Amino acid sequence: MARSYEEASATRRARLPIAARSDRAVFEQTYRLAVQVMERRELLGLTQTELAQKTGIDQGDISRIERGSIFPNEKTLLRLADALGAEWRMVDKATA
């Protein structure tokens, strides 16, 4: 029976040093945000340029957010959420 990625990588993750676990968590959060922004923008039929115009955020920065190259600050997150008709909130990992 095929194993999921989570099952296959669990042993490896358990052996990671604490610092690497923290880095991995940051990467995962950045990637999740990138996917959410991109999916919501595409659902609304907006280009990156149009989203940039609605938010006042440089199109290049939107591209970097969607690629996961940068993680936006709170002000930028709020501007994106407002323009995308979404809400930005912190969620307990246990319930996410």
N, C-alpha and C. Protein backbone atom coordinates (compact mmCIF):
# COMPACT_ATOMS: atom_id res chain seq x y z
N MET A 1 0.83 -1.17 0.00
CA MET A 1 0.00 0.00 0.00
C MET A 1 0.89 1.25 0.00
N ALA A 2 0.55 2.20 -0.82
CA ALA A 2 1.35 3.42 -0.94
C ALA A 2 1.21 4.28 0.31
N ARG A 3 2.31 4.90 0.69
CA ARG A 3 2.30 5.78 1.85
C ARG A 3 2.19 7.23 1.38
N SER A 4 1.59 8.07 2.21
CA SER A 4 1.51 9.49 1.89
C SER A 4 2.88 10.12 2.11
N TYR A 5 3.05 11.32 1.59
CA TYR A 5 4.31 12.04 1.79
C TYR A 5 4.55 12.24 3.28
N GLU A 6 3.50 12.60 4.02
CA GLU A 6 3.64 12.83 5.46
C GLU A 6 4.16 11.58 6.17
N GLU A 7 3.61 10.43 5.83
CA GLU A 7 4.05 9.18 6.45
C GLU A 7 5.50 8.87 6.07
N ALA A 8 5.82 9.04 4.82
CA ALA A 8 7.16 8.72 4.34
C ALA A 8 8.22 9.64 4.93
N SER A 9 7.87 10.88 5.19
CA SER A 9 8.86 11.83 5.68
C SER A 9 8.87 11.97 7.20
N ALA A 10 7.97 11.32 7.90
CA ALA A 10 7.86 11.46 9.36
C ALA A 10 9.16 11.07 10.07
N THR A 11 9.77 9.97 9.67
CA THR A 11 11.01 9.52 10.32
C THR A 11 12.11 10.53 10.09
N ARG A 12 12.22 11.02 8.88
CA ARG A 12 13.26 12.01 8.57
C ARG A 12 13.04 13.29 9.38
N ARG A 13 11.81 13.75 9.44
CA ARG A 13 11.51 14.97 10.21
C ARG A 13 11.84 14.80 11.68
N ALA A 14 11.62 13.61 12.21
CA ALA A 14 11.89 13.36 13.63
C ALA A 14 13.38 13.46 13.94
N ARG A 15 14.22 13.17 12.94
CA ARG A 15 15.67 13.23 13.15
C ARG A 15 16.25 14.63 12.95
N LEU A 16 15.45 15.56 12.45
CA LEU A 16 15.96 16.91 12.18
C LEU A 16 16.30 17.64 13.48
N PRO A 17 17.39 18.42 13.47
CA PRO A 17 17.68 19.25 14.63
C PRO A 17 16.57 20.30 14.81
N ILE A 18 16.47 20.83 16.00
CA ILE A 18 15.43 21.81 16.34
C ILE A 18 15.43 22.98 15.36
N ALA A 19 16.60 23.52 15.04
CA ALA A 19 16.68 24.67 14.13
C ALA A 19 16.12 24.33 12.76
N ALA A 20 16.41 23.14 12.27
CA ALA A 20 15.91 22.74 10.96
C ALA A 20 14.40 22.55 10.99
N ARG A 21 13.87 22.07 12.11
CA ARG A 21 12.42 21.93 12.24
C ARG A 21 11.75 23.29 12.18
N SER A 22 12.37 24.26 12.83
CA SER A 22 11.82 25.62 12.82
C SER A 22 11.86 26.20 11.41
N ASP A 23 12.98 26.02 10.71
CA ASP A 23 13.10 26.50 9.33
C ASP A 23 12.04 25.86 8.44
N ARG A 24 11.82 24.58 8.63
CA ARG A 24 10.82 23.85 7.84
C ARG A 24 9.43 24.40 8.10
N ALA A 25 9.13 24.71 9.35
CA ALA A 25 7.81 25.25 9.70
C ALA A 25 7.60 26.61 9.03
N VAL A 26 8.62 27.44 9.02
CA VAL A 26 8.52 28.75 8.36
C VAL A 26 8.30 28.56 6.87
N PHE A 27 9.04 27.65 6.27
CA PHE A 27 8.87 27.37 4.84
C PHE A 27 7.44 26.92 4.55
N GLU A 28 6.91 26.01 5.35
CA GLU A 28 5.56 25.50 5.12
C GLU A 28 4.51 26.61 5.25
N GLN A 29 4.68 27.49 6.24
CA GLN A 29 3.74 28.60 6.42
C GLN A 29 3.80 29.55 5.22
N THR A 30 5.00 29.84 4.78
CA THR A 30 5.18 30.74 3.63
C THR A 30 4.55 30.13 2.39
N TYR A 31 4.77 28.84 2.19
CA TYR A 31 4.22 28.17 1.01
C TYR A 31 2.69 28.14 1.07
N ARG A 32 2.12 27.85 2.24
CA ARG A 32 0.66 27.83 2.37
C ARG A 32 0.06 29.19 2.04
N LEU A 33 0.69 30.25 2.54
CA LEU A 33 0.20 31.59 2.25
C LEU A 33 0.31 31.88 0.75
N ALA A 34 1.43 31.50 0.15
CA ALA A 34 1.63 31.74 -1.28
C ALA A 34 0.52 31.09 -2.10
N VAL A 35 0.20 29.84 -1.77
CA VAL A 35 -0.83 29.12 -2.50
C VAL A 35 -2.19 29.78 -2.29
N GLN A 36 -2.48 30.20 -1.07
CA GLN A 36 -3.77 30.84 -0.79
C GLN A 36 -3.93 32.15 -1.56
N VAL A 37 -2.90 32.96 -1.58
CA VAL A 37 -2.97 34.23 -2.31
C VAL A 37 -3.17 33.97 -3.80
N MET A 38 -2.38 33.06 -4.36
CA MET A 38 -2.47 32.77 -5.78
C MET A 38 -3.85 32.19 -6.14
N GLU A 39 -4.32 31.24 -5.36
CA GLU A 39 -5.62 30.63 -5.65
C GLU A 39 -6.76 31.65 -5.57
N ARG A 40 -6.72 32.49 -4.54
CA ARG A 40 -7.78 33.49 -4.37
C ARG A 40 -7.74 34.51 -5.51
N ARG A 41 -6.54 34.96 -5.87
CA ARG A 41 -6.40 35.92 -6.95
C ARG A 41 -6.94 35.34 -8.25
N GLU A 42 -6.58 34.09 -8.54
CA GLU A 42 -7.04 33.45 -9.78
C GLU A 42 -8.54 33.21 -9.74
N LEU A 43 -9.08 32.85 -8.58
CA LEU A 43 -10.52 32.65 -8.44
C LEU A 43 -11.29 33.92 -8.78
N LEU A 44 -10.73 35.05 -8.41
CA LEU A 44 -11.36 36.34 -8.69
C LEU A 44 -11.07 36.84 -10.10
N GLY A 45 -10.24 36.11 -10.83
CA GLY A 45 -9.92 36.48 -12.20
C GLY A 45 -9.01 37.69 -12.30
N LEU A 46 -8.17 37.88 -11.28
CA LEU A 46 -7.26 39.02 -11.27
C LEU A 46 -5.86 38.60 -11.72
N THR A 47 -5.20 39.48 -12.43
CA THR A 47 -3.79 39.28 -12.73
C THR A 47 -2.99 39.84 -11.56
N GLN A 48 -1.71 39.52 -11.52
CA GLN A 48 -0.86 40.11 -10.48
C GLN A 48 -0.84 41.63 -10.61
N THR A 49 -0.84 42.13 -11.82
CA THR A 49 -0.82 43.57 -12.06
C THR A 49 -2.09 44.22 -11.52
N GLU A 50 -3.23 43.59 -11.76
CA GLU A 50 -4.50 44.13 -11.24
C GLU A 50 -4.53 44.10 -9.71
N LEU A 51 -4.02 43.03 -9.12
CA LEU A 51 -3.96 42.95 -7.67
C LEU A 51 -3.01 44.02 -7.13
N ALA A 52 -1.93 44.24 -7.81
CA ALA A 52 -0.99 45.30 -7.41
C ALA A 52 -1.68 46.66 -7.42
N GLN A 53 -2.47 46.92 -8.44
CA GLN A 53 -3.18 48.21 -8.52
C GLN A 53 -4.20 48.34 -7.39
N LYS A 54 -4.88 47.25 -7.04
CA LYS A 54 -5.89 47.29 -5.98
C LYS A 54 -5.28 47.47 -4.59
N THR A 55 -4.06 46.98 -4.42
CA THR A 55 -3.44 46.98 -3.10
C THR A 55 -2.39 48.06 -2.90
N GLY A 56 -1.84 48.56 -3.99
CA GLY A 56 -0.72 49.48 -3.87
C GLY A 56 0.59 48.76 -3.58
N ILE A 57 0.57 47.43 -3.71
CA ILE A 57 1.77 46.62 -3.52
C ILE A 57 2.41 46.41 -4.88
N ASP A 58 3.70 46.52 -4.96
CA ASP A 58 4.41 46.33 -6.23
C ASP A 58 4.11 44.94 -6.80
N GLN A 59 3.89 44.85 -8.10
CA GLN A 59 3.60 43.57 -8.74
C GLN A 59 4.73 42.57 -8.51
N GLY A 60 5.95 43.04 -8.50
CA GLY A 60 7.09 42.16 -8.24
C GLY A 60 7.03 41.54 -6.86
N ASP A 61 6.56 42.33 -5.89
CA ASP A 61 6.42 41.79 -4.53
C ASP A 61 5.29 40.75 -4.48
N ILE A 62 4.21 40.98 -5.21
CA ILE A 62 3.13 40.00 -5.26
C ILE A 62 3.66 38.70 -5.87
N SER A 63 4.46 38.82 -6.91
CA SER A 63 5.06 37.64 -7.53
C SER A 63 5.94 36.90 -6.52
N ARG A 64 6.75 37.62 -5.76
CA ARG A 64 7.63 36.99 -4.77
C ARG A 64 6.82 36.33 -3.66
N ILE A 65 5.71 36.94 -3.25
CA ILE A 65 4.84 36.34 -2.24
C ILE A 65 4.26 35.04 -2.78
N GLU A 66 3.77 35.06 -4.02
CA GLU A 66 3.16 33.88 -4.62
C GLU A 66 4.17 32.77 -4.88
N ARG A 67 5.42 33.11 -5.05
CA ARG A 67 6.48 32.10 -5.23
C ARG A 67 6.99 31.59 -3.89
N GLY A 68 6.62 32.27 -2.82
CA GLY A 68 7.11 31.89 -1.50
C GLY A 68 8.50 32.41 -1.22
N SER A 69 8.96 33.37 -2.02
CA SER A 69 10.30 33.93 -1.82
C SER A 69 10.35 34.89 -0.64
N ILE A 70 9.21 35.54 -0.37
CA ILE A 70 9.15 36.46 0.77
C ILE A 70 7.85 36.20 1.52
N PHE A 71 7.86 36.53 2.80
CA PHE A 71 6.65 36.46 3.62
C PHE A 71 6.28 37.89 3.96
N PRO A 72 5.06 38.30 3.60
CA PRO A 72 4.68 39.71 3.80
C PRO A 72 4.49 40.06 5.27
N ASN A 73 4.68 41.34 5.57
CA ASN A 73 4.44 41.81 6.93
C ASN A 73 2.93 41.95 7.15
N GLU A 74 2.55 42.29 8.35
CA GLU A 74 1.12 42.37 8.70
C GLU A 74 0.37 43.39 7.85
N LYS A 75 0.96 44.54 7.62
CA LYS A 75 0.30 45.58 6.81
C LYS A 75 0.02 45.06 5.40
N THR A 76 0.97 44.38 4.81
CA THR A 76 0.82 43.84 3.46
C THR A 76 -0.23 42.73 3.46
N LEU A 77 -0.20 41.87 4.48
CA LEU A 77 -1.21 40.81 4.58
C LEU A 77 -2.62 41.39 4.63
N LEU A 78 -2.80 42.43 5.41
CA LEU A 78 -4.12 43.06 5.52
C LEU A 78 -4.56 43.68 4.20
N ARG A 79 -3.64 44.30 3.49
CA ARG A 79 -3.97 44.90 2.18
C ARG A 79 -4.35 43.81 1.18
N LEU A 80 -3.62 42.70 1.18
CA LEU A 80 -3.94 41.59 0.29
C LEU A 80 -5.31 41.00 0.64
N ALA A 81 -5.54 40.75 1.92
CA ALA A 81 -6.81 40.17 2.34
C ALA A 81 -7.98 41.07 1.94
N ASP A 82 -7.84 42.36 2.14
CA ASP A 82 -8.90 43.30 1.80
C ASP A 82 -9.18 43.27 0.29
N ALA A 83 -8.14 43.32 -0.51
CA ALA A 83 -8.30 43.33 -1.97
C ALA A 83 -8.85 42.01 -2.50
N LEU A 84 -8.57 40.92 -1.79
CA LEU A 84 -9.01 39.60 -2.23
C LEU A 84 -10.33 39.18 -1.60
N GLY A 85 -10.93 40.09 -0.82
CA GLY A 85 -12.21 39.77 -0.19
C GLY A 85 -12.09 38.64 0.81
N ALA A 86 -10.97 38.60 1.50
CA ALA A 86 -10.70 37.53 2.47
C ALA A 86 -10.40 38.17 3.82
N GLU A 87 -10.25 37.35 4.82
CA GLU A 87 -9.84 37.88 6.12
C GLU A 87 -8.53 37.23 6.52
N TRP A 88 -7.74 38.00 7.19
CA TRP A 88 -6.46 37.50 7.69
C TRP A 88 -6.64 37.27 9.17
N ARG A 89 -6.34 36.07 9.61
CA ARG A 89 -6.49 35.77 11.03
C ARG A 89 -5.50 34.70 11.43
N MET A 90 -5.22 34.69 12.71
CA MET A 90 -4.34 33.66 13.25
C MET A 90 -5.23 32.50 13.68
N VAL A 91 -4.80 31.28 13.36
CA VAL A 91 -5.57 30.09 13.68
C VAL A 91 -4.70 29.14 14.48
N ASP A 92 -5.26 28.58 15.50
CA ASP A 92 -4.57 27.59 16.32
C ASP A 92 -4.20 26.40 15.44
N LYS A 93 -2.95 25.99 15.45
CA LYS A 93 -2.49 24.87 14.62
C LYS A 93 -3.32 23.62 14.86
N ALA A 94 -3.76 23.41 16.08
CA ALA A 94 -4.51 22.21 16.39
C ALA A 94 -5.86 22.16 15.67
N THR A 95 -6.38 23.32 15.32
CA THR A 95 -7.69 23.35 14.65
C THR A 95 -7.58 23.65 13.18
N ALA A 96 -6.37 23.94 12.70
CA ALA A 96 -6.18 24.32 11.29
C ALA A 96 -6.29 23.16 10.35
